[in-house]
Amino acid sequence: MLRFMGLLVLVVGFVISGGCKKEAPKTKTVLKGSEFSASQGLPDRDPQLAKKLVEEQGALLLDVRTPGEYERGHIKGAKLLPIQDFERQIQKIEEWTKGDKSKPIVVYCQSGGRAARAKEILLKYGYKKVTNLGGYQDWPSN
């Protein structure tokens, strides 16, 4: 009888421990530069990257806010293309980039929401190096 109880405890232990499989630790993969796929574009909300793209690689800088917001202040060199007209006027971007879909593009708005939509549209049209700066106030001053 004692042997039977020992065997029963052992079997129950195996059954219970089988459902307690240890999960592999979840890690966050950080992708850099060329590791980003074209469908994702470039990393977002990285003001230093955005400034570097504009100043060192001649990126197209797009303000997707309203004309009124643009008139009240914008980043030097930014071209205005409001998100409301963005997809209807995609040919302007083709003109500004001279048809080069690999030319870097930095988009911004007031807080990043409209710029995120603009980035989605640009990726849909085949532009590969697009980043969402976020908001106008995120641009590095120096």
N, C-alpha and C. Protein backbone atom coordinates (compact mmCIF):
# COMPACT_ATOMS: atom_id res chain seq x y z
N MET A 1 0.81 -1.18 0.00
CA MET A 1 0.00 0.00 0.00
C MET A 1 0.86 1.26 0.00
N LEU A 2 1.92 1.25 0.79
CA LEU A 2 2.81 2.39 0.85
C LEU A 2 3.48 2.61 -0.50
N ARG A 3 3.83 1.52 -1.16
CA ARG A 3 4.43 1.59 -2.48
C ARG A 3 3.45 2.21 -3.49
N PHE A 4 2.20 1.83 -3.40
CA PHE A 4 1.16 2.37 -4.29
C PHE A 4 1.00 3.87 -4.08
N MET A 5 0.99 4.33 -2.85
CA MET A 5 0.85 5.76 -2.53
C MET A 5 2.06 6.54 -3.06
N GLY A 6 3.23 5.98 -2.92
CA GLY A 6 4.45 6.63 -3.43
C GLY A 6 4.39 6.78 -4.94
N LEU A 7 3.94 5.70 -5.61
CA LEU A 7 3.82 5.73 -7.06
C LEU A 7 2.74 6.74 -7.49
N LEU A 8 1.65 6.80 -6.77
CA LEU A 8 0.57 7.74 -7.08
C LEU A 8 1.06 9.19 -6.93
N VAL A 9 1.79 9.48 -5.88
CA VAL A 9 2.34 10.82 -5.67
C VAL A 9 3.29 11.18 -6.81
N LEU A 10 4.11 10.24 -7.22
CA LEU A 10 5.06 10.46 -8.31
C LEU A 10 4.33 10.76 -9.62
N VAL A 11 3.30 9.99 -9.96
CA VAL A 11 2.53 10.20 -11.19
C VAL A 11 1.82 11.55 -11.15
N VAL A 12 1.18 11.88 -10.04
CA VAL A 12 0.49 13.16 -9.91
C VAL A 12 1.50 14.30 -10.06
N GLY A 13 2.67 14.16 -9.49
CA GLY A 13 3.72 15.18 -9.60
C GLY A 13 4.13 15.40 -11.04
N PHE A 14 4.30 14.33 -11.81
CA PHE A 14 4.66 14.45 -13.23
C PHE A 14 3.55 15.14 -14.02
N VAL A 15 2.32 14.78 -13.75
CA VAL A 15 1.19 15.37 -14.47
C VAL A 15 1.11 16.87 -14.18
N ILE A 16 1.23 17.27 -12.95
CA ILE A 16 1.14 18.68 -12.58
C ILE A 16 2.31 19.47 -13.14
N SER A 17 3.51 18.93 -13.03
CA SER A 17 4.68 19.68 -13.50
C SER A 17 4.72 19.81 -15.02
N GLY A 18 4.03 18.95 -15.73
CA GLY A 18 3.99 19.06 -17.20
C GLY A 18 3.29 20.32 -17.65
N GLY A 19 2.35 20.86 -16.90
CA GLY A 19 1.63 22.07 -17.25
C GLY A 19 2.35 23.33 -16.80
N CYS A 20 3.47 23.16 -16.13
CA CYS A 20 4.21 24.31 -15.62
C CYS A 20 5.50 24.51 -16.40
N LYS A 21 5.42 24.39 -17.67
CA LYS A 21 6.60 24.54 -18.50
C LYS A 21 7.10 25.98 -18.43
N LYS A 22 8.38 26.13 -18.25
CA LYS A 22 8.97 27.46 -18.15
C LYS A 22 9.02 28.10 -19.53
N GLU A 23 8.49 29.34 -19.62
CA GLU A 23 8.51 30.07 -20.89
C GLU A 23 9.86 30.73 -21.07
N ALA A 24 10.26 30.83 -22.32
CA ALA A 24 11.49 31.54 -22.63
C ALA A 24 11.27 33.01 -22.30
N PRO A 25 12.30 33.68 -21.78
CA PRO A 25 12.13 35.10 -21.45
C PRO A 25 11.82 35.92 -22.70
N LYS A 26 10.92 36.87 -22.54
CA LYS A 26 10.55 37.72 -23.67
C LYS A 26 11.56 38.85 -23.76
N THR A 27 12.14 39.00 -24.94
CA THR A 27 13.11 40.07 -25.14
C THR A 27 12.61 40.99 -26.24
N LYS A 28 13.01 42.21 -26.12
CA LYS A 28 12.64 43.20 -27.13
C LYS A 28 13.81 43.32 -28.11
N THR A 29 13.51 43.16 -29.38
CA THR A 29 14.54 43.28 -30.40
C THR A 29 14.61 44.72 -30.85
N VAL A 30 15.79 45.28 -30.76
CA VAL A 30 16.00 46.65 -31.20
C VAL A 30 16.69 46.59 -32.55
N LEU A 31 16.02 47.17 -33.55
CA LEU A 31 16.57 47.19 -34.89
C LEU A 31 17.23 48.53 -35.14
N LYS A 32 18.33 48.51 -35.87
CA LYS A 32 19.03 49.75 -36.17
C LYS A 32 19.23 49.89 -37.67
N GLY A 33 19.20 51.15 -38.10
CA GLY A 33 19.54 51.53 -39.46
C GLY A 33 19.04 50.62 -40.54
N SER A 34 19.96 49.94 -41.22
CA SER A 34 19.62 49.14 -42.39
C SER A 34 18.84 47.89 -42.05
N GLU A 35 18.69 47.56 -40.77
CA GLU A 35 17.93 46.38 -40.39
C GLU A 35 16.42 46.60 -40.50
N PHE A 36 15.98 47.85 -40.64
CA PHE A 36 14.56 48.12 -40.78
C PHE A 36 14.10 47.72 -42.16
N SER A 37 12.94 47.13 -42.23
CA SER A 37 12.41 46.74 -43.53
C SER A 37 11.75 47.94 -44.19
N ALA A 38 11.63 47.87 -45.49
CA ALA A 38 11.01 48.96 -46.23
C ALA A 38 9.57 49.17 -45.80
N SER A 39 8.90 48.11 -45.35
CA SER A 39 7.50 48.26 -44.96
C SER A 39 7.36 49.04 -43.65
N GLN A 40 8.42 49.14 -42.87
CA GLN A 40 8.39 49.88 -41.62
C GLN A 40 8.95 51.29 -41.76
N GLY A 41 9.77 51.50 -42.77
CA GLY A 41 10.44 52.78 -42.89
C GLY A 41 11.55 52.87 -41.87
N LEU A 42 11.88 54.08 -41.45
CA LEU A 42 12.93 54.32 -40.47
C LEU A 42 12.32 54.45 -39.08
N PRO A 43 13.16 54.39 -38.04
CA PRO A 43 12.63 54.56 -36.67
C PRO A 43 11.92 55.90 -36.52
N ASP A 44 10.88 55.93 -35.72
CA ASP A 44 10.10 57.14 -35.49
C ASP A 44 10.50 57.83 -34.20
N ARG A 45 10.11 59.11 -34.14
CA ARG A 45 10.27 59.94 -32.94
C ARG A 45 11.71 59.95 -32.43
N ASP A 46 12.62 60.12 -33.37
CA ASP A 46 14.04 60.23 -33.06
C ASP A 46 14.52 61.56 -33.65
N PRO A 47 14.41 62.64 -32.87
CA PRO A 47 14.75 63.96 -33.39
C PRO A 47 16.18 64.08 -33.93
N GLN A 48 17.11 63.41 -33.29
CA GLN A 48 18.50 63.49 -33.76
C GLN A 48 18.65 62.82 -35.12
N LEU A 49 18.00 61.68 -35.30
CA LEU A 49 18.02 61.00 -36.60
C LEU A 49 17.39 61.89 -37.66
N ALA A 50 16.24 62.48 -37.35
CA ALA A 50 15.54 63.34 -38.30
C ALA A 50 16.42 64.51 -38.74
N LYS A 51 17.05 65.15 -37.78
CA LYS A 51 17.91 66.30 -38.09
C LYS A 51 19.10 65.87 -38.94
N LYS A 52 19.68 64.73 -38.61
CA LYS A 52 20.81 64.21 -39.37
C LYS A 52 20.40 63.90 -40.81
N LEU A 53 19.25 63.30 -40.99
CA LEU A 53 18.76 62.99 -42.33
C LEU A 53 18.59 64.25 -43.17
N VAL A 54 18.04 65.29 -42.55
CA VAL A 54 17.81 66.54 -43.28
C VAL A 54 19.13 67.24 -43.57
N GLU A 55 19.97 67.38 -42.56
CA GLU A 55 21.20 68.16 -42.72
C GLU A 55 22.31 67.44 -43.47
N GLU A 56 22.40 66.13 -43.31
CA GLU A 56 23.52 65.41 -43.92
C GLU A 56 23.14 64.61 -45.17
N GLN A 57 21.87 64.24 -45.28
CA GLN A 57 21.47 63.42 -46.42
C GLN A 57 20.44 64.10 -47.32
N GLY A 58 20.13 65.36 -47.02
CA GLY A 58 19.21 66.10 -47.87
C GLY A 58 17.79 65.56 -47.88
N ALA A 59 17.35 65.03 -46.75
CA ALA A 59 15.99 64.47 -46.67
C ALA A 59 14.95 65.54 -46.95
N LEU A 60 13.85 65.13 -47.54
CA LEU A 60 12.70 66.00 -47.74
C LEU A 60 12.01 66.14 -46.39
N LEU A 61 11.79 67.38 -45.97
CA LEU A 61 11.15 67.65 -44.69
C LEU A 61 9.72 68.12 -44.96
N LEU A 62 8.74 67.34 -44.52
CA LEU A 62 7.33 67.61 -44.80
C LEU A 62 6.55 67.96 -43.54
N ASP A 63 5.89 69.11 -43.58
CA ASP A 63 5.00 69.55 -42.52
C ASP A 63 3.58 69.19 -42.99
N VAL A 64 2.90 68.34 -42.24
CA VAL A 64 1.56 67.88 -42.67
C VAL A 64 0.43 68.55 -41.88
N ARG A 65 0.76 69.67 -41.22
CA ARG A 65 -0.26 70.42 -40.48
C ARG A 65 -1.07 71.29 -41.43
N THR A 66 -1.96 72.07 -40.88
CA THR A 66 -2.78 72.98 -41.70
C THR A 66 -1.95 74.19 -42.11
N PRO A 67 -2.39 74.90 -43.15
CA PRO A 67 -1.67 76.13 -43.55
C PRO A 67 -1.56 77.14 -42.40
N GLY A 68 -2.59 77.26 -41.59
CA GLY A 68 -2.55 78.19 -40.46
C GLY A 68 -1.47 77.81 -39.45
N GLU A 69 -1.38 76.53 -39.15
CA GLU A 69 -0.34 76.07 -38.21
C GLU A 69 1.04 76.33 -38.80
N TYR A 70 1.19 76.06 -40.08
CA TYR A 70 2.46 76.26 -40.77
C TYR A 70 2.88 77.73 -40.73
N GLU A 71 1.93 78.63 -40.97
CA GLU A 71 2.21 80.07 -40.96
C GLU A 71 2.62 80.56 -39.58
N ARG A 72 2.09 79.95 -38.53
CA ARG A 72 2.45 80.35 -37.16
C ARG A 72 3.85 79.89 -36.77
N GLY A 73 4.44 79.02 -37.56
CA GLY A 73 5.79 78.55 -37.28
C GLY A 73 6.02 77.18 -37.85
N HIS A 74 7.18 77.00 -38.46
CA HIS A 74 7.54 75.70 -39.03
C HIS A 74 9.05 75.55 -39.02
N ILE A 75 9.51 74.35 -39.25
CA ILE A 75 10.94 74.07 -39.30
C ILE A 75 11.49 74.63 -40.61
N LYS A 76 12.61 75.32 -40.51
CA LYS A 76 13.22 75.92 -41.69
C LYS A 76 13.45 74.86 -42.77
N GLY A 77 12.99 75.17 -43.97
CA GLY A 77 13.17 74.27 -45.11
C GLY A 77 12.03 73.27 -45.31
N ALA A 78 11.07 73.27 -44.39
CA ALA A 78 9.95 72.31 -44.50
C ALA A 78 8.99 72.72 -45.59
N LYS A 79 8.50 71.73 -46.31
CA LYS A 79 7.46 71.95 -47.32
C LYS A 79 6.12 71.57 -46.71
N LEU A 80 5.11 72.37 -47.01
CA LEU A 80 3.78 72.12 -46.47
C LEU A 80 2.97 71.24 -47.40
N LEU A 81 2.43 70.17 -46.85
CA LEU A 81 1.48 69.32 -47.57
C LEU A 81 0.51 68.77 -46.52
N PRO A 82 -0.58 69.52 -46.25
CA PRO A 82 -1.53 69.11 -45.20
C PRO A 82 -2.03 67.68 -45.40
N ILE A 83 -2.20 67.00 -44.30
CA ILE A 83 -2.63 65.60 -44.35
C ILE A 83 -3.98 65.46 -45.05
N GLN A 84 -4.83 66.49 -44.98
CA GLN A 84 -6.13 66.42 -45.65
C GLN A 84 -5.98 66.29 -47.16
N ASP A 85 -4.89 66.82 -47.71
CA ASP A 85 -4.65 66.79 -49.15
C ASP A 85 -3.55 65.80 -49.55
N PHE A 86 -3.01 65.12 -48.59
CA PHE A 86 -1.78 64.36 -48.78
C PHE A 86 -1.85 63.37 -49.93
N GLU A 87 -2.79 62.47 -49.86
CA GLU A 87 -2.85 61.41 -50.87
C GLU A 87 -3.27 61.95 -52.24
N ARG A 88 -4.14 62.95 -52.24
CA ARG A 88 -4.57 63.55 -53.52
C ARG A 88 -3.43 64.30 -54.19
N GLN A 89 -2.45 64.74 -53.40
CA GLN A 89 -1.35 65.53 -53.97
C GLN A 89 -0.01 64.80 -53.86
N ILE A 90 -0.05 63.49 -53.89
CA ILE A 90 1.18 62.69 -53.77
C ILE A 90 2.17 63.02 -54.87
N GLN A 91 1.68 63.51 -56.02
CA GLN A 91 2.58 63.85 -57.13
C GLN A 91 3.55 64.96 -56.74
N LYS A 92 3.18 65.82 -55.79
CA LYS A 92 4.10 66.86 -55.31
C LYS A 92 5.33 66.22 -54.69
N ILE A 93 5.11 65.16 -53.94
CA ILE A 93 6.24 64.48 -53.31
C ILE A 93 7.12 63.84 -54.38
N GLU A 94 6.48 63.28 -55.39
CA GLU A 94 7.25 62.71 -56.50
C GLU A 94 8.09 63.77 -57.19
N GLU A 95 7.56 64.99 -57.31
CA GLU A 95 8.32 66.09 -57.89
C GLU A 95 9.48 66.48 -56.97
N TRP A 96 9.18 66.64 -55.68
CA TRP A 96 10.19 67.08 -54.72
C TRP A 96 11.32 66.06 -54.57
N THR A 97 11.00 64.77 -54.72
CA THR A 97 12.03 63.73 -54.60
C THR A 97 12.62 63.35 -55.96
N LYS A 98 12.11 63.96 -57.02
CA LYS A 98 12.52 63.64 -58.39
C LYS A 98 12.32 62.16 -58.69
N GLY A 99 11.27 61.60 -58.12
CA GLY A 99 10.92 60.20 -58.35
C GLY A 99 11.78 59.19 -57.62
N ASP A 100 12.69 59.67 -56.75
CA ASP A 100 13.60 58.78 -56.02
C ASP A 100 12.91 58.26 -54.76
N LYS A 101 12.43 57.02 -54.82
CA LYS A 101 11.69 56.42 -53.70
C LYS A 101 12.61 56.06 -52.52
N SER A 102 13.92 56.14 -52.72
CA SER A 102 14.84 55.84 -51.62
C SER A 102 15.34 57.12 -50.94
N LYS A 103 14.89 58.28 -51.40
CA LYS A 103 15.28 59.55 -50.77
C LYS A 103 14.65 59.59 -49.37
N PRO A 104 15.43 59.94 -48.35
CA PRO A 104 14.86 60.01 -47.00
C PRO A 104 13.80 61.12 -46.91
N ILE A 105 12.74 60.84 -46.15
CA ILE A 105 11.66 61.80 -45.93
C ILE A 105 11.37 61.85 -44.43
N VAL A 106 11.32 63.07 -43.90
CA VAL A 106 10.97 63.30 -42.50
C VAL A 106 9.63 64.02 -42.48
N VAL A 107 8.64 63.44 -41.79
CA VAL A 107 7.32 64.05 -41.68
C VAL A 107 7.08 64.47 -40.24
N TYR A 108 6.34 65.57 -40.08
CA TYR A 108 5.97 66.01 -38.72
C TYR A 108 4.65 66.76 -38.77
N CYS A 109 4.05 66.88 -37.59
CA CYS A 109 2.81 67.64 -37.44
C CYS A 109 2.89 68.35 -36.09
N GLN A 110 1.79 68.39 -35.36
CA GLN A 110 1.80 69.04 -34.05
C GLN A 110 2.26 68.07 -32.95
N SER A 111 1.79 66.83 -33.03
CA SER A 111 2.13 65.88 -31.97
C SER A 111 2.54 64.50 -32.49
N GLY A 112 2.44 64.27 -33.79
CA GLY A 112 2.87 63.00 -34.36
C GLY A 112 1.77 62.15 -34.97
N GLY A 113 0.51 62.41 -34.64
CA GLY A 113 -0.59 61.59 -35.15
C GLY A 113 -0.80 61.72 -36.65
N ARG A 114 -0.88 62.94 -37.14
CA ARG A 114 -1.07 63.15 -38.58
C ARG A 114 0.17 62.71 -39.35
N ALA A 115 1.33 62.92 -38.74
CA ALA A 115 2.58 62.49 -39.39
C ALA A 115 2.63 60.97 -39.52
N ALA A 116 2.08 60.26 -38.55
CA ALA A 116 2.03 58.79 -38.62
C ALA A 116 1.19 58.36 -39.82
N ARG A 117 0.08 59.03 -40.03
CA ARG A 117 -0.77 58.72 -41.20
C ARG A 117 -0.03 59.03 -42.50
N ALA A 118 0.69 60.16 -42.54
CA ALA A 118 1.46 60.52 -43.73
C ALA A 118 2.53 59.47 -44.01
N LYS A 119 3.18 58.98 -42.96
CA LYS A 119 4.20 57.95 -43.14
C LYS A 119 3.57 56.69 -43.74
N GLU A 120 2.40 56.28 -43.24
CA GLU A 120 1.71 55.11 -43.79
C GLU A 120 1.46 55.27 -45.29
N ILE A 121 1.00 56.45 -45.68
CA ILE A 121 0.71 56.71 -47.08
C ILE A 121 1.99 56.64 -47.92
N LEU A 122 3.04 57.27 -47.42
CA LEU A 122 4.32 57.25 -48.16
C LEU A 122 4.84 55.83 -48.33
N LEU A 123 4.76 55.02 -47.28
CA LEU A 123 5.20 53.63 -47.39
C LEU A 123 4.34 52.88 -48.40
N LYS A 124 3.04 53.16 -48.39
CA LYS A 124 2.12 52.52 -49.34
C LYS A 124 2.51 52.86 -50.79
N TYR A 125 3.00 54.07 -51.01
CA TYR A 125 3.40 54.49 -52.35
C TYR A 125 4.84 54.11 -52.68
N GLY A 126 5.48 53.35 -51.81
CA GLY A 126 6.79 52.80 -52.14
C GLY A 126 8.00 53.56 -51.63
N TYR A 127 7.78 54.63 -50.87
CA TYR A 127 8.93 55.33 -50.29
C TYR A 127 9.47 54.48 -49.15
N LYS A 128 10.79 54.34 -49.10
CA LYS A 128 11.39 53.37 -48.19
C LYS A 128 11.99 53.97 -46.93
N LYS A 129 12.51 55.17 -47.02
CA LYS A 129 13.21 55.79 -45.88
C LYS A 129 12.38 56.95 -45.33
N VAL A 130 11.36 56.60 -44.57
CA VAL A 130 10.44 57.60 -44.02
C VAL A 130 10.48 57.52 -42.50
N THR A 131 10.57 58.68 -41.85
CA THR A 131 10.51 58.72 -40.40
C THR A 131 9.52 59.79 -39.95
N ASN A 132 8.85 59.51 -38.86
CA ASN A 132 7.91 60.44 -38.24
C ASN A 132 8.65 61.12 -37.10
N LEU A 133 9.01 62.40 -37.29
CA LEU A 133 9.67 63.17 -36.24
C LEU A 133 8.80 63.24 -35.00
N GLY A 134 7.51 63.34 -35.20
CA GLY A 134 6.57 63.57 -34.10
C GLY A 134 6.00 64.95 -34.27
N GLY A 135 6.23 65.81 -33.30
CA GLY A 135 5.69 67.16 -33.34
C GLY A 135 6.72 68.22 -33.71
N TYR A 136 6.21 69.34 -34.17
CA TYR A 136 7.01 70.50 -34.55
C TYR A 136 8.00 70.88 -33.44
N GLN A 137 7.55 70.84 -32.21
CA GLN A 137 8.38 71.22 -31.07
C GLN A 137 9.47 70.20 -30.76
N ASP A 138 9.45 69.03 -31.39
CA ASP A 138 10.46 68.00 -31.13
C ASP A 138 11.76 68.23 -31.89
N TRP A 139 11.75 69.13 -32.87
CA TRP A 139 12.94 69.38 -33.68
C TRP A 139 14.06 69.93 -32.78
N PRO A 140 15.25 69.33 -32.84
CA PRO A 140 16.36 69.81 -32.00
C PRO A 140 16.76 71.24 -32.39
N SER A 141 16.94 72.08 -31.40
CA SER A 141 17.24 73.49 -31.69
C SER A 141 18.70 73.72 -32.06
N ASN A 142 19.60 72.86 -31.65
CA ASN A 142 21.00 73.08 -32.01
C ASN A 142 21.59 71.92 -32.73
